[in-house]
Every structure is written in C-alpha cells, then in structure tokens.
Amino acid sequence: MTTPTARGLASKRRGDAWESMLDAYHRQLSADRRAHIVRVPTEARVMGATRTDARGRTAFLATWASRASVDFVGCLLGGRAVAIEAKTCTQDRWTFAQSLGAPTSTRPADVEWRTLQTVNEMGGLSLVLLDWGDEQWYVEFGALATYRETGAGSLSVEQLASIARPIVGPAWLRP
C-alpha cells in the first residue's frame, strides 16, 4: 500500500520532470526566435527582522510562498503575452478548480487563477499544460473558466478532450 507521503513525493518528482521538459522546450523556442518564455521563481517571504552578517550581507529568515504564481511567463513572436501553468494529474479526474486555486463561495481566487484570468482578460494567451498519465494536453484558461462557470470543478479525460488539444510532450506551440 502506498502512503500519502510516498504519493506526494512521486507527484512532486513527476511535476518537476514535466516542468524540466517545458524549460528545455522554452529554451529551444527562444533559440529559434519563436517565443521568449521564462520560469517564474517561487516568491520568498521574509519572516522577521533583517541583520547584517559578518561579510556585510543582509541576512534574514524566509520561507517560500505557499501558493506560487504561474510557472512561466513570456512573449510570443509578434508580441502577444503568454502565461503558462504546468500541471500533472494521475487520478481518474483532474480537479482543475482546486489545482489552479479557483475562487469559491468562501474564499477568493489564489494567485495562479488570478494571474491566468488577468492575462486572458488583457488579450494575452493563458495556458494550462497538463501531463496526465501518458497524454499531454494544451488547454486555454478561458475554456476552463467557462467550464467553471457551470459549477464544475473537475474534468474527466473525455471532458478535457472537448476543450483541449493533445500535444506531444511539451511541444505546445504550433509551428
């Protein structure tokens, strides 16, 4: 029997590998001058007072933000902004609303959802790139937001196929 800790670690490894593949693909897009896309680092939150260490550097205690922003931001050839969130799923249904931090009746949207929504509303391209089992998908945030407006918070593979496009590995940008 697999423990929750073991499942969490396996999920983290899978997610890190997916983001690594996307990083390499985005470097290739930059080299080909088709897009410039960079990873967004997780925000560090300073906890308490700062001090100067023996070498004259500012030192402080910090922690990583519990919810980071989208994973990648950039610009496509022609000037259109892009925001990308990379997700993995190993379950029968993808709980996209929870995964992306969609708003509920009791709490506002988390930073990932707000960022994707804002870029989408400003005319940029907001994408979720999903590694689900042996398949990878490209779904525009607007389609997920529309689905969410119906009250849905999760999708089966069949439902996802109606609003998303399959991709091969990380290659989401069409030539």
N, C-alpha and C. Protein backbone atom coordinates (compact mmCIF):
# COMPACT_ATOMS: atom_id res chain seq x y z
N MET A 1 0.84 -1.19 0.00
CA MET A 1 0.00 0.00 0.00
C MET A 1 0.88 1.24 0.00
N THR A 2 0.58 2.17 -0.88
CA THR A 2 1.34 3.40 -0.98
C THR A 2 0.83 4.42 0.03
N THR A 3 1.76 5.05 0.74
CA THR A 3 1.38 6.04 1.74
C THR A 3 1.13 7.39 1.08
N PRO A 4 0.38 8.27 1.73
CA PRO A 4 0.19 9.61 1.19
C PRO A 4 1.51 10.36 0.97
N THR A 5 2.47 10.16 1.85
CA THR A 5 3.77 10.80 1.71
C THR A 5 4.48 10.32 0.44
N ALA A 6 4.46 9.01 0.22
CA ALA A 6 5.10 8.44 -0.97
C ALA A 6 4.41 8.94 -2.24
N ARG A 7 3.07 8.99 -2.22
CA ARG A 7 2.33 9.51 -3.39
C ARG A 7 2.68 10.98 -3.63
N GLY A 8 2.78 11.75 -2.56
CA GLY A 8 3.13 13.17 -2.68
C GLY A 8 4.52 13.36 -3.28
N LEU A 9 5.48 12.56 -2.81
CA LEU A 9 6.84 12.65 -3.34
C LEU A 9 6.89 12.24 -4.81
N ALA A 10 6.16 11.19 -5.17
CA ALA A 10 6.12 10.75 -6.57
C ALA A 10 5.48 11.82 -7.44
N SER A 11 4.44 12.45 -6.94
CA SER A 11 3.77 13.52 -7.68
C SER A 11 4.71 14.71 -7.87
N LYS A 12 5.45 15.06 -6.83
CA LYS A 12 6.41 16.17 -6.92
C LYS A 12 7.48 15.86 -7.96
N ARG A 13 8.00 14.64 -7.95
CA ARG A 13 9.03 14.25 -8.93
C ARG A 13 8.48 14.34 -10.35
N ARG A 14 7.26 13.85 -10.54
CA ARG A 14 6.63 13.90 -11.86
C ARG A 14 6.43 15.35 -12.31
N GLY A 15 5.95 16.20 -11.40
CA GLY A 15 5.76 17.61 -11.72
C GLY A 15 7.06 18.30 -12.06
N ASP A 16 8.11 18.03 -11.28
CA ASP A 16 9.42 18.63 -11.55
C ASP A 16 9.96 18.19 -12.91
N ALA A 17 9.76 16.90 -13.24
CA ALA A 17 10.23 16.40 -14.54
C ALA A 17 9.46 17.07 -15.69
N TRP A 18 8.15 17.26 -15.52
CA TRP A 18 7.32 17.93 -16.53
C TRP A 18 7.79 19.37 -16.73
N GLU A 19 8.02 20.09 -15.65
CA GLU A 19 8.49 21.47 -15.75
C GLU A 19 9.89 21.53 -16.37
N SER A 20 10.72 20.55 -16.10
CA SER A 20 12.06 20.49 -16.71
C SER A 20 11.96 20.32 -18.22
N MET A 21 11.04 19.45 -18.67
CA MET A 21 10.83 19.28 -20.11
C MET A 21 10.34 20.58 -20.74
N LEU A 22 9.45 21.27 -20.05
CA LEU A 22 8.94 22.54 -20.56
C LEU A 22 10.05 23.59 -20.61
N ASP A 23 10.89 23.63 -19.59
CA ASP A 23 12.03 24.55 -19.58
C ASP A 23 12.90 24.35 -20.82
N ALA A 24 13.24 23.10 -21.11
CA ALA A 24 14.07 22.79 -22.28
C ALA A 24 13.37 23.21 -23.57
N TYR A 25 12.09 22.94 -23.67
CA TYR A 25 11.32 23.33 -24.85
C TYR A 25 11.29 24.85 -25.00
N HIS A 26 11.11 25.57 -23.90
CA HIS A 26 11.07 27.04 -23.96
C HIS A 26 12.44 27.62 -24.33
N ARG A 27 13.50 26.97 -23.89
CA ARG A 27 14.85 27.42 -24.32
C ARG A 27 14.99 27.26 -25.83
N GLN A 28 14.46 26.15 -26.36
CA GLN A 28 14.53 25.93 -27.81
C GLN A 28 13.69 26.96 -28.56
N LEU A 29 12.51 27.30 -28.04
CA LEU A 29 11.68 28.33 -28.67
C LEU A 29 12.42 29.67 -28.71
N SER A 30 13.15 29.99 -27.64
CA SER A 30 13.94 31.23 -27.61
C SER A 30 15.07 31.18 -28.62
N ALA A 31 15.75 30.05 -28.68
CA ALA A 31 16.85 29.90 -29.65
C ALA A 31 16.34 30.03 -31.08
N ASP A 32 15.12 29.53 -31.34
CA ASP A 32 14.52 29.61 -32.67
C ASP A 32 13.85 30.96 -32.94
N ARG A 33 13.86 31.85 -31.93
CA ARG A 33 13.25 33.20 -32.03
C ARG A 33 11.75 33.12 -32.31
N ARG A 34 11.08 32.10 -31.74
CA ARG A 34 9.63 31.95 -31.89
C ARG A 34 8.89 32.48 -30.67
N ALA A 35 9.58 32.49 -29.52
CA ALA A 35 8.98 32.96 -28.28
C ALA A 35 10.10 33.15 -27.26
N HIS A 36 9.83 33.98 -26.28
CA HIS A 36 10.75 34.11 -25.15
C HIS A 36 9.93 33.85 -23.88
N ILE A 37 10.17 32.70 -23.27
CA ILE A 37 9.38 32.27 -22.11
C ILE A 37 10.35 31.87 -21.01
N VAL A 38 10.11 32.40 -19.81
CA VAL A 38 10.99 32.12 -18.67
C VAL A 38 10.18 31.59 -17.49
N ARG A 39 10.86 30.85 -16.65
CA ARG A 39 10.24 30.31 -15.44
C ARG A 39 10.09 31.45 -14.42
N VAL A 40 8.97 31.44 -13.71
CA VAL A 40 8.74 32.40 -12.64
C VAL A 40 9.17 31.75 -11.33
N PRO A 41 10.14 32.34 -10.64
CA PRO A 41 10.58 31.73 -9.38
C PRO A 41 9.51 31.86 -8.31
N THR A 42 9.49 30.91 -7.39
CA THR A 42 8.57 30.98 -6.26
C THR A 42 9.01 32.11 -5.35
N GLU A 43 8.06 32.90 -4.95
CA GLU A 43 8.34 34.05 -4.10
C GLU A 43 8.81 33.62 -2.72
N ALA A 44 9.84 34.29 -2.22
CA ALA A 44 10.30 34.07 -0.85
C ALA A 44 9.70 35.16 0.03
N ARG A 45 9.21 34.78 1.17
CA ARG A 45 8.61 35.74 2.11
C ARG A 45 9.55 35.88 3.30
N VAL A 46 9.97 37.13 3.55
CA VAL A 46 10.85 37.42 4.67
C VAL A 46 10.05 37.29 5.96
N MET A 47 10.65 36.63 6.94
CA MET A 47 9.99 36.44 8.23
C MET A 47 10.81 37.11 9.31
N GLY A 48 10.41 38.27 9.71
CA GLY A 48 11.09 38.95 10.80
C GLY A 48 12.13 39.95 10.32
N ALA A 49 12.92 40.39 11.27
CA ALA A 49 13.90 41.45 11.02
C ALA A 49 15.08 40.94 10.21
N THR A 50 15.71 41.87 9.49
CA THR A 50 16.94 41.55 8.77
C THR A 50 18.12 41.95 9.65
N ARG A 51 19.27 41.41 9.32
CA ARG A 51 20.50 41.76 10.02
C ARG A 51 21.65 41.70 9.02
N THR A 52 22.76 42.24 9.38
CA THR A 52 23.95 42.19 8.53
C THR A 52 24.86 41.11 9.07
N ASP A 53 25.28 40.20 8.18
CA ASP A 53 26.15 39.12 8.65
C ASP A 53 27.60 39.58 8.68
N ALA A 54 28.53 38.67 9.04
CA ALA A 54 29.94 39.02 9.21
C ALA A 54 30.58 39.52 7.92
N ARG A 55 30.06 39.14 6.76
CA ARG A 55 30.63 39.58 5.49
C ARG A 55 29.93 40.82 4.93
N GLY A 56 29.02 41.40 5.71
CA GLY A 56 28.35 42.62 5.29
C GLY A 56 27.10 42.39 4.43
N ARG A 57 26.67 41.14 4.31
CA ARG A 57 25.47 40.84 3.52
C ARG A 57 24.23 40.91 4.42
N THR A 58 23.12 41.26 3.83
CA THR A 58 21.86 41.26 4.57
C THR A 58 21.40 39.82 4.73
N ALA A 59 21.08 39.44 5.95
CA ALA A 59 20.63 38.08 6.24
C ALA A 59 19.24 38.15 6.88
N PHE A 60 18.45 37.13 6.63
CA PHE A 60 17.09 37.09 7.18
C PHE A 60 16.55 35.68 7.09
N LEU A 61 15.57 35.39 7.91
CA LEU A 61 14.83 34.14 7.81
C LEU A 61 13.75 34.33 6.76
N ALA A 62 13.52 33.30 5.94
CA ALA A 62 12.49 33.40 4.91
C ALA A 62 11.84 32.04 4.70
N THR A 63 10.70 32.07 4.06
CA THR A 63 10.00 30.86 3.69
C THR A 63 9.47 31.05 2.27
N TRP A 64 9.27 29.93 1.57
CA TRP A 64 8.68 30.03 0.23
C TRP A 64 7.20 30.29 0.37
N ALA A 65 6.63 31.06 -0.55
CA ALA A 65 5.20 31.32 -0.55
C ALA A 65 4.45 30.00 -0.71
N SER A 66 3.32 29.89 -0.02
CA SER A 66 2.57 28.63 -0.08
C SER A 66 1.96 28.40 -1.44
N ARG A 67 1.53 29.44 -2.13
CA ARG A 67 0.99 29.33 -3.49
C ARG A 67 1.81 30.25 -4.38
N ALA A 68 2.48 29.68 -5.32
CA ALA A 68 3.29 30.46 -6.24
C ALA A 68 2.42 30.97 -7.38
N SER A 69 2.95 31.88 -8.15
CA SER A 69 2.25 32.37 -9.33
C SER A 69 2.33 31.30 -10.42
N VAL A 70 1.98 31.67 -11.63
CA VAL A 70 2.09 30.73 -12.74
C VAL A 70 3.54 30.29 -12.89
N ASP A 71 3.75 29.21 -13.61
CA ASP A 71 5.10 28.66 -13.73
C ASP A 71 5.97 29.39 -14.74
N PHE A 72 5.36 29.89 -15.82
CA PHE A 72 6.13 30.53 -16.89
C PHE A 72 5.39 31.76 -17.40
N VAL A 73 6.16 32.77 -17.80
CA VAL A 73 5.60 33.94 -18.47
C VAL A 73 6.51 34.29 -19.63
N GLY A 74 5.97 35.02 -20.59
CA GLY A 74 6.81 35.43 -21.71
C GLY A 74 6.03 36.12 -22.79
N CYS A 75 6.63 36.08 -23.97
CA CYS A 75 6.08 36.78 -25.13
C CYS A 75 6.28 35.90 -26.36
N LEU A 76 5.21 35.80 -27.14
CA LEU A 76 5.28 35.05 -28.40
C LEU A 76 5.76 35.97 -29.51
N LEU A 77 6.32 35.39 -30.55
CA LEU A 77 6.71 36.17 -31.72
C LEU A 77 5.49 36.97 -32.18
N GLY A 78 5.64 38.25 -32.36
CA GLY A 78 4.52 39.12 -32.73
C GLY A 78 4.05 39.97 -31.56
N GLY A 79 4.49 39.64 -30.34
CA GLY A 79 4.23 40.50 -29.20
C GLY A 79 3.14 40.07 -28.24
N ARG A 80 2.47 38.96 -28.46
CA ARG A 80 1.41 38.55 -27.55
C ARG A 80 2.00 37.94 -26.27
N ALA A 81 1.52 38.44 -25.12
CA ALA A 81 1.97 37.93 -23.83
C ALA A 81 1.42 36.53 -23.60
N VAL A 82 2.16 35.74 -22.85
CA VAL A 82 1.72 34.39 -22.52
C VAL A 82 2.03 34.10 -21.05
N ALA A 83 1.06 33.46 -20.39
CA ALA A 83 1.23 32.97 -19.02
C ALA A 83 0.90 31.48 -19.05
N ILE A 84 1.77 30.67 -18.46
CA ILE A 84 1.62 29.22 -18.54
C ILE A 84 1.69 28.61 -17.15
N GLU A 85 0.74 27.74 -16.87
CA GLU A 85 0.77 26.94 -15.65
C GLU A 85 0.92 25.49 -16.07
N ALA A 86 1.89 24.80 -15.50
CA ALA A 86 2.13 23.38 -15.79
C ALA A 86 1.55 22.55 -14.65
N LYS A 87 0.76 21.55 -15.01
CA LYS A 87 0.14 20.68 -14.01
C LYS A 87 0.31 19.23 -14.41
N THR A 88 0.26 18.36 -13.41
CA THR A 88 0.25 16.93 -13.65
C THR A 88 -0.97 16.33 -12.96
N CYS A 89 -1.43 15.20 -13.46
CA CYS A 89 -2.57 14.51 -12.86
C CYS A 89 -2.37 13.01 -13.03
N THR A 90 -2.63 12.27 -11.97
CA THR A 90 -2.54 10.81 -12.03
C THR A 90 -3.85 10.16 -11.61
N GLN A 91 -4.87 10.95 -11.37
CA GLN A 91 -6.17 10.45 -10.93
C GLN A 91 -7.10 10.23 -12.12
N ASP A 92 -8.28 9.69 -11.86
CA ASP A 92 -9.28 9.49 -12.90
C ASP A 92 -9.88 10.81 -13.38
N ARG A 93 -9.92 11.80 -12.50
CA ARG A 93 -10.44 13.13 -12.84
C ARG A 93 -9.39 14.16 -12.44
N TRP A 94 -9.31 15.22 -13.23
CA TRP A 94 -8.42 16.34 -12.92
C TRP A 94 -9.24 17.39 -12.19
N THR A 95 -8.90 17.65 -10.95
CA THR A 95 -9.60 18.66 -10.16
C THR A 95 -8.99 20.03 -10.45
N PHE A 96 -9.31 20.55 -11.64
CA PHE A 96 -8.67 21.78 -12.12
C PHE A 96 -8.96 22.98 -11.22
N ALA A 97 -10.18 23.09 -10.68
CA ALA A 97 -10.52 24.26 -9.86
C ALA A 97 -9.65 24.32 -8.61
N GLN A 98 -9.51 23.20 -7.94
CA GLN A 98 -8.66 23.14 -6.75
C GLN A 98 -7.19 23.31 -7.13
N SER A 99 -6.79 22.64 -8.19
CA SER A 99 -5.40 22.66 -8.63
C SER A 99 -4.93 24.06 -9.01
N LEU A 100 -5.81 24.85 -9.62
CA LEU A 100 -5.45 26.20 -10.06
C LEU A 100 -5.86 27.28 -9.06
N GLY A 101 -6.54 26.91 -7.99
CA GLY A 101 -6.93 27.88 -6.97
C GLY A 101 -8.11 28.75 -7.40
N ALA A 102 -9.11 28.14 -8.01
CA ALA A 102 -10.30 28.88 -8.43
C ALA A 102 -11.03 29.44 -7.21
N PRO A 103 -11.72 30.55 -7.39
CA PRO A 103 -12.47 31.11 -6.26
C PRO A 103 -13.65 30.21 -5.88
N THR A 104 -14.01 30.26 -4.62
CA THR A 104 -15.19 29.54 -4.13
C THR A 104 -16.08 30.55 -3.41
N SER A 105 -17.19 30.09 -2.90
CA SER A 105 -18.10 30.99 -2.18
C SER A 105 -17.49 31.48 -0.88
N THR A 106 -16.46 30.79 -0.39
CA THR A 106 -15.88 31.17 0.90
C THR A 106 -14.47 31.76 0.81
N ARG A 107 -13.87 31.76 -0.38
CA ARG A 107 -12.52 32.34 -0.48
C ARG A 107 -12.28 32.88 -1.89
N PRO A 108 -11.45 33.91 -1.98
CA PRO A 108 -11.13 34.47 -3.30
C PRO A 108 -10.17 33.56 -4.06
N ALA A 109 -9.98 33.85 -5.31
CA ALA A 109 -9.07 33.07 -6.15
C ALA A 109 -7.64 33.18 -5.66
N ASP A 110 -6.91 32.08 -5.80
CA ASP A 110 -5.48 32.09 -5.49
C ASP A 110 -4.72 32.76 -6.65
N VAL A 111 -3.44 32.99 -6.44
CA VAL A 111 -2.62 33.75 -7.38
C VAL A 111 -2.55 33.10 -8.76
N GLU A 112 -2.51 31.77 -8.86
CA GLU A 112 -2.44 31.13 -10.18
C GLU A 112 -3.68 31.45 -11.01
N TRP A 113 -4.85 31.25 -10.42
CA TRP A 113 -6.10 31.52 -11.12
C TRP A 113 -6.18 32.99 -11.51
N ARG A 114 -5.88 33.89 -10.56
CA ARG A 114 -5.96 35.33 -10.83
C ARG A 114 -5.01 35.75 -11.95
N THR A 115 -3.82 35.21 -11.96
CA THR A 115 -2.84 35.56 -13.00
C THR A 115 -3.32 35.09 -14.36
N LEU A 116 -3.74 33.84 -14.45
CA LEU A 116 -4.24 33.33 -15.73
C LEU A 116 -5.45 34.13 -16.20
N GLN A 117 -6.34 34.45 -15.29
CA GLN A 117 -7.54 35.21 -15.62
C GLN A 117 -7.19 36.61 -16.10
N THR A 118 -6.28 37.28 -15.42
CA THR A 118 -5.89 38.65 -15.78
C THR A 118 -5.22 38.69 -17.16
N VAL A 119 -4.29 37.80 -17.40
CA VAL A 119 -3.61 37.77 -18.70
C VAL A 119 -4.63 37.48 -19.80
N ASN A 120 -5.54 36.56 -19.55
CA ASN A 120 -6.58 36.23 -20.52
C ASN A 120 -7.46 37.46 -20.81
N GLU A 121 -7.88 38.16 -19.77
CA GLU A 121 -8.75 39.33 -19.93
C GLU A 121 -8.04 40.48 -20.64
N MET A 122 -6.72 40.53 -20.55
CA MET A 122 -5.95 41.60 -21.19
C MET A 122 -5.53 41.24 -22.61
N GLY A 123 -6.01 40.12 -23.13
CA GLY A 123 -5.72 39.74 -24.50
C GLY A 123 -4.51 38.87 -24.69
N GLY A 124 -3.88 38.46 -23.60
CA GLY A 124 -2.75 37.55 -23.69
C GLY A 124 -3.24 36.11 -23.82
N LEU A 125 -2.31 35.21 -23.92
CA LEU A 125 -2.61 33.79 -24.02
C LEU A 125 -2.32 33.14 -22.67
N SER A 126 -3.37 32.65 -22.02
CA SER A 126 -3.24 31.97 -20.73
C SER A 126 -3.45 30.48 -20.96
N LEU A 127 -2.45 29.70 -20.64
CA LEU A 127 -2.48 28.26 -20.92
C LEU A 127 -2.26 27.43 -19.67
N VAL A 128 -2.87 26.27 -19.67
CA VAL A 128 -2.53 25.24 -18.71
C VAL A 128 -2.04 24.06 -19.54
N LEU A 129 -0.82 23.63 -19.25
CA LEU A 129 -0.23 22.47 -19.92
C LEU A 129 -0.28 21.32 -18.94
N LEU A 130 -1.02 20.30 -19.29
CA LEU A 130 -1.32 19.21 -18.38
C LEU A 130 -0.68 17.90 -18.83
N ASP A 131 0.10 17.32 -17.94
CA ASP A 131 0.67 15.99 -18.14
C ASP A 131 -0.23 15.02 -17.37
N TRP A 132 -1.01 14.23 -18.10
CA TRP A 132 -2.00 13.35 -17.46
C TRP A 132 -1.77 11.94 -17.96
N GLY A 133 -1.16 11.16 -17.11
CA GLY A 133 -0.85 9.78 -17.48
C GLY A 133 0.12 9.74 -18.63
N ASP A 134 -0.28 9.09 -19.73
CA ASP A 134 0.58 9.01 -20.91
C ASP A 134 0.26 10.09 -21.93
N GLU A 135 -0.60 11.04 -21.58
CA GLU A 135 -1.00 12.08 -22.52
C GLU A 135 -0.66 13.46 -21.97
N GLN A 136 -0.40 14.37 -22.89
CA GLN A 136 -0.18 15.76 -22.54
C GLN A 136 -1.22 16.60 -23.28
N TRP A 137 -1.68 17.63 -22.60
CA TRP A 137 -2.75 18.47 -23.12
C TRP A 137 -2.40 19.94 -23.04
N TYR A 138 -2.98 20.71 -23.95
CA TYR A 138 -2.87 22.16 -24.02
C TYR A 138 -4.29 22.68 -23.90
N VAL A 139 -4.58 23.45 -22.86
CA VAL A 139 -5.93 24.00 -22.70
C VAL A 139 -5.83 25.48 -22.37
N GLU A 140 -6.61 26.27 -23.09
CA GLU A 140 -6.63 27.71 -22.82
C GLU A 140 -7.45 27.96 -21.56
N PHE A 141 -6.99 28.90 -20.76
CA PHE A 141 -7.64 29.18 -19.49
C PHE A 141 -9.10 29.58 -19.67
N GLY A 142 -9.41 30.33 -20.72
CA GLY A 142 -10.79 30.77 -20.95
C GLY A 142 -11.76 29.60 -21.02
N ALA A 143 -11.34 28.49 -21.60
CA ALA A 143 -12.20 27.31 -21.68
C ALA A 143 -12.43 26.72 -20.29
N LEU A 144 -11.39 26.71 -19.45
CA LEU A 144 -11.55 26.21 -18.08
C LEU A 144 -12.45 27.14 -17.27
N ALA A 145 -12.27 28.44 -17.44
CA ALA A 145 -13.09 29.41 -16.70
C ALA A 145 -14.56 29.27 -17.09
N THR A 146 -14.82 29.06 -18.37
CA THR A 146 -16.20 28.86 -18.83
C THR A 146 -16.78 27.59 -18.23
N TYR A 147 -15.99 26.55 -18.20
CA TYR A 147 -16.43 25.29 -17.61
C TYR A 147 -16.71 25.49 -16.12
N ARG A 148 -15.88 26.26 -15.46
CA ARG A 148 -16.04 26.53 -14.02
C ARG A 148 -17.33 27.30 -13.76
N GLU A 149 -17.72 28.19 -14.67
CA GLU A 149 -18.95 28.97 -14.50
C GLU A 149 -20.18 28.08 -14.47
N THR A 150 -20.09 26.87 -14.99
CA THR A 150 -21.21 25.93 -14.94
C THR A 150 -21.28 25.22 -13.58
N GLY A 151 -20.31 25.50 -12.71
CA GLY A 151 -20.25 24.87 -11.40
C GLY A 151 -19.31 23.70 -11.32
N ALA A 152 -18.72 23.31 -12.44
CA ALA A 152 -17.80 22.18 -12.47
C ALA A 152 -16.46 22.55 -11.85
N GLY A 153 -15.83 21.59 -11.21
CA GLY A 153 -14.51 21.80 -10.64
C GLY A 153 -13.51 20.74 -11.04
N SER A 154 -14.00 19.74 -11.80
CA SER A 154 -13.10 18.68 -12.24
C SER A 154 -13.52 18.20 -13.62
N LEU A 155 -12.61 17.53 -14.29
CA LEU A 155 -12.84 17.03 -15.64
C LEU A 155 -12.35 15.60 -15.78
N SER A 156 -13.08 14.82 -16.56
CA SER A 156 -12.58 13.51 -16.96
C SER A 156 -11.73 13.71 -18.22
N VAL A 157 -11.01 12.70 -18.64
CA VAL A 157 -10.22 12.81 -19.86
C VAL A 157 -11.13 13.12 -21.05
N GLU A 158 -12.29 12.49 -21.09
CA GLU A 158 -13.23 12.72 -22.19
C GLU A 158 -13.71 14.17 -22.21
N GLN A 159 -14.03 14.72 -21.05
CA GLN A 159 -14.46 16.12 -20.98
C GLN A 159 -13.33 17.05 -21.37
N LEU A 160 -12.12 16.77 -20.91
CA LEU A 160 -10.98 17.60 -21.26
C LEU A 160 -10.75 17.61 -22.76
N ALA A 161 -10.93 16.46 -23.39
CA ALA A 161 -10.71 16.36 -24.84
C ALA A 161 -11.65 17.27 -25.62
N SER A 162 -12.79 17.64 -25.04
CA SER A 162 -13.73 18.52 -25.73
C SER A 162 -13.31 19.99 -25.68
N ILE A 163 -12.41 20.36 -24.76
CA ILE A 163 -11.99 21.76 -24.64
C ILE A 163 -10.49 21.96 -24.81
N ALA A 164 -9.75 20.89 -24.97
CA ALA A 164 -8.29 20.97 -25.03
C ALA A 164 -7.77 20.30 -26.29
N ARG A 165 -6.49 20.49 -26.53
CA ARG A 165 -5.83 19.81 -27.64
C ARG A 165 -4.71 18.95 -27.09
N PRO A 166 -4.58 17.73 -27.63
CA PRO A 166 -3.44 16.91 -27.21
C PRO A 166 -2.16 17.49 -27.82
N ILE A 167 -1.09 17.34 -27.10
CA ILE A 167 0.23 17.76 -27.60
C ILE A 167 1.18 16.59 -27.46
N VAL A 168 2.32 16.69 -28.10
CA VAL A 168 3.34 15.67 -28.00
C VAL A 168 4.42 16.20 -27.06
N GLY A 169 4.52 15.58 -25.88
CA GLY A 169 5.47 16.07 -24.89
C GLY A 169 5.17 17.53 -24.59
N PRO A 170 6.19 18.35 -24.46
CA PRO A 170 5.97 19.75 -24.10
C PRO A 170 5.69 20.68 -25.28
N ALA A 171 5.67 20.15 -26.50
CA ALA A 171 5.59 21.00 -27.72
C ALA A 171 4.18 21.56 -27.93
N TRP A 172 3.85 22.60 -27.19
CA TRP A 172 2.51 23.17 -27.25
C TRP A 172 2.36 24.26 -28.32
N LEU A 173 3.43 24.91 -28.72
CA LEU A 173 3.36 25.99 -29.70
C LEU A 173 3.41 25.41 -31.10
N ARG A 174 2.37 25.68 -31.88
CA ARG A 174 2.30 25.15 -33.25
C ARG A 174 3.28 25.91 -34.13
N PRO A 175 3.92 25.18 -35.09
CA PRO A 175 4.89 25.84 -35.98
C PRO A 175 4.22 26.86 -36.89
